[in-house]
């Protein structure tokens, strides 16, 4: 029995030696592919900042149009805006602001005659002011600073 084991061991040894002594056929070389440099990432330009418009501004309806102009120039205070936002008048003209919106607003201005303020105007409240001096009068709502307007007085 020992001779049988030795014979099997010798046979396995010969098979292993033959397997190791033979050289395997090398695979054919692969065709050389030209390599390209890695692509360089170019950053996209940054878009300019955009003005944020509140949901309330988009939902605010425009005031109803009037058929004839007012005898006295009028500025409507709609929610988050003045209509019209700019006006050209002659010296001595009195302008009336009417709050046609649903929020409280005010009219705070500065111009050739100095600073002025209407106080808080509830919905449907009015404020009027004469403009005797020639010049530019900028005004805004101190409650809603994005609301801005301008009166230009020219002879």
Protein backbone atom coordinates (compact mmCIF):
# COMPACT_ATOMS: atom_id res chain seq x y z
CA UNK A 1 0.00 0.00 0.00
CA UNK A 2 2.83 2.36 0.66
CA UNK A 3 4.17 1.64 -2.83
CA UNK A 4 0.87 2.68 -4.30
CA UNK A 5 0.90 5.97 -2.44
CA UNK A 6 4.49 6.64 -3.50
CA UNK A 7 3.60 5.88 -7.11
CA UNK A 8 0.64 8.29 -7.07
CA UNK A 9 2.78 10.99 -5.43
CA UNK A 10 5.51 10.49 -8.07
CA UNK A 11 2.93 10.73 -10.86
CA UNK A 12 1.46 13.96 -9.47
CA UNK A 13 4.99 15.40 -9.10
CA UNK A 14 5.80 14.64 -12.75
CA UNK A 15 2.55 16.24 -13.94
CA UNK A 16 3.24 19.38 -11.88
CA UNK A 17 6.84 19.59 -13.20
CA UNK A 18 5.66 19.24 -16.78
CA UNK A 19 2.99 21.89 -16.29
CA UNK A 20 5.50 24.33 -14.81
CA UNK A 21 8.20 23.71 -17.40
CA UNK A 22 5.98 24.42 -20.39
CA UNK A 23 5.66 28.05 -21.47
CA UNK A 24 2.21 29.24 -22.26
CA UNK A 25 1.68 30.98 -25.53
CA UNK A 26 1.63 34.70 -24.96
CA UNK A 27 -1.53 36.46 -26.16
CA UNK A 28 -1.02 38.68 -29.20
CA UNK A 29 -0.20 42.28 -28.33
CA UNK A 30 -3.13 44.68 -28.35
CA UNK A 31 -3.06 47.43 -30.93
CA UNK A 32 -1.82 50.67 -29.44
CA UNK A 33 -4.60 53.21 -28.96
CA UNK A 34 -3.55 56.85 -28.96
CA UNK A 35 -4.25 58.36 -25.57
CA UNK A 36 -5.82 61.80 -25.22
CA UNK A 37 -5.09 64.07 -22.32
CA UNK A 38 -7.90 64.11 -19.76
CA UNK A 39 -10.57 66.69 -20.46
CA UNK A 40 -10.21 69.88 -18.47
CA UNK A 41 -13.38 71.08 -16.78
CA UNK A 42 -14.13 74.69 -17.55
CA UNK A 43 -16.36 76.33 -14.96
CA UNK A 44 -19.61 77.75 -16.28
CA UNK A 45 -20.14 81.48 -15.83
CA UNK A 46 -22.03 82.43 -12.71
CA UNK A 47 -25.39 83.98 -13.53
CA UNK A 48 -25.98 87.47 -12.15
CA UNK A 49 -28.10 87.71 -9.02
CA UNK A 50 -31.81 87.90 -9.68
CA UNK A 51 -34.30 90.08 -7.91
CA UNK A 52 -36.55 88.11 -5.59
CA UNK A 53 -40.21 88.87 -6.09
CA UNK A 54 -42.45 87.97 -3.21
CA UNK A 55 -45.55 85.86 -3.68
CA UNK A 56 -47.68 88.76 -2.47
CA UNK A 57 -46.39 91.02 -5.25
CA UNK A 58 -47.31 88.50 -7.93
CA UNK A 59 -50.80 87.99 -6.53
CA UNK A 60 -51.62 91.68 -6.13
CA UNK A 61 -54.14 92.73 -8.78
CA UNK A 62 -53.57 95.97 -10.64
CA UNK A 63 -55.95 98.79 -9.80
CA UNK A 64 -58.87 99.18 -12.16
CA UNK A 65 -58.18 101.56 -15.03
CA UNK A 66 -59.89 104.94 -15.04
CA UNK A 67 -61.50 106.42 -18.13
CA UNK A 68 -60.50 110.04 -17.53
CA UNK A 69 -57.46 111.56 -15.82
CA UNK A 70 -57.91 112.93 -12.30
CA UNK A 71 -58.35 116.65 -11.84
CA UNK A 72 -55.68 116.39 -9.14
CA UNK A 73 -52.68 114.12 -9.90
CA UNK A 74 -53.07 110.91 -7.94
CA UNK A 75 -50.70 108.11 -6.92
CA UNK A 76 -52.28 104.82 -5.86
CA UNK A 77 -50.56 102.85 -3.11
CA UNK A 78 -51.15 99.26 -4.19
CA UNK A 79 -49.70 96.46 -2.12
CA UNK A 80 -45.93 96.66 -2.67
CA UNK A 81 -45.94 99.39 -5.31
CA UNK A 82 -46.89 102.94 -6.32
CA UNK A 83 -48.95 103.54 -9.47
CA UNK A 84 -47.61 105.54 -11.19
CA UNK A 85 -44.16 105.28 -9.66
CA UNK A 86 -42.91 108.42 -11.46
CA UNK A 87 -44.74 111.63 -12.23
CA UNK A 88 -43.84 114.91 -13.96
CA UNK A 89 -45.75 117.98 -12.69
CA UNK A 90 -45.53 121.77 -12.73
CA UNK A 91 -44.65 123.89 -9.66
CA UNK A 92 -47.61 124.43 -7.33
CA UNK A 93 -49.23 121.07 -8.15
CA UNK A 94 -50.78 119.14 -5.27
CA UNK A 95 -50.48 115.37 -5.50
CA UNK A 96 -52.83 113.00 -3.69
CA UNK A 97 -51.73 109.52 -2.54
CA UNK A 98 -54.56 107.04 -1.94
CA UNK A 99 -53.99 103.63 -0.35
CA UNK A 100 -55.93 101.33 -2.69
CA UNK A 101 -54.16 98.22 -1.36
CA UNK A 102 -55.12 95.94 1.50
CA UNK A 103 -52.02 96.65 3.65
CA UNK A 104 -50.99 99.75 5.58
CA UNK A 105 -48.44 101.97 3.80
CA UNK A 106 -46.90 105.41 4.14
CA UNK A 107 -45.20 107.98 1.93
CA UNK A 108 -41.81 109.18 3.17
CA UNK A 109 -39.99 111.59 0.89
CA UNK A 110 -37.11 113.97 0.50
CA UNK A 111 -36.55 116.76 -1.99
CA UNK A 112 -35.75 120.46 -2.44
CA UNK A 113 -38.12 121.47 0.37
CA UNK A 114 -36.66 118.93 2.84
CA UNK A 115 -37.94 115.64 4.22
CA UNK A 116 -41.66 114.84 4.63
CA UNK A 117 -43.79 111.91 5.80
CA UNK A 118 -47.49 111.08 5.48
CA UNK A 119 -47.78 108.88 8.53
CA UNK A 120 -49.33 105.42 8.28
CA UNK A 121 -52.14 105.18 5.73
CA UNK A 122 -54.68 102.42 6.29
CA UNK A 123 -56.51 101.00 3.26
CA UNK A 124 -58.55 103.78 1.52
CA UNK A 125 -56.77 106.57 3.49
CA UNK A 126 -55.53 109.64 1.57
CA UNK A 127 -52.56 111.99 1.87
CA UNK A 128 -51.86 115.09 -0.20
CA UNK A 129 -48.92 117.43 -0.53
CA UNK A 130 -48.20 120.48 -2.70
CA UNK A 131 -44.94 120.69 -4.66
CA UNK A 132 -44.00 124.36 -5.02
CA UNK A 133 -40.25 124.08 -5.65
CA UNK A 134 -38.67 122.86 -8.89
CA UNK A 135 -36.64 119.67 -8.48
CA UNK A 136 -36.77 115.92 -7.94
CA UNK A 137 -38.61 114.42 -4.98
CA UNK A 138 -37.89 110.77 -4.21
CA UNK A 139 -40.32 108.93 -1.96
CA UNK A 140 -40.70 105.42 -0.52
CA UNK A 141 -42.80 103.40 1.90
CA UNK A 142 -40.92 102.95 5.18
CA UNK A 143 -43.04 99.85 5.91
CA UNK A 144 -42.19 98.25 2.53
CA UNK A 145 -38.79 99.67 1.45
CA UNK A 146 -39.04 98.06 -2.00
CA UNK A 147 -41.85 100.54 -2.78
CA UNK A 148 -40.20 103.59 -4.36
CA UNK A 149 -41.35 106.52 -6.46
CA UNK A 150 -40.30 109.90 -7.83
CA UNK A 151 -41.97 113.24 -8.50
CA UNK A 152 -40.19 115.61 -10.90
CA UNK A 153 -41.32 119.24 -10.73
CA UNK A 154 -40.47 121.28 -13.83
CA UNK A 155 -41.82 124.64 -15.03
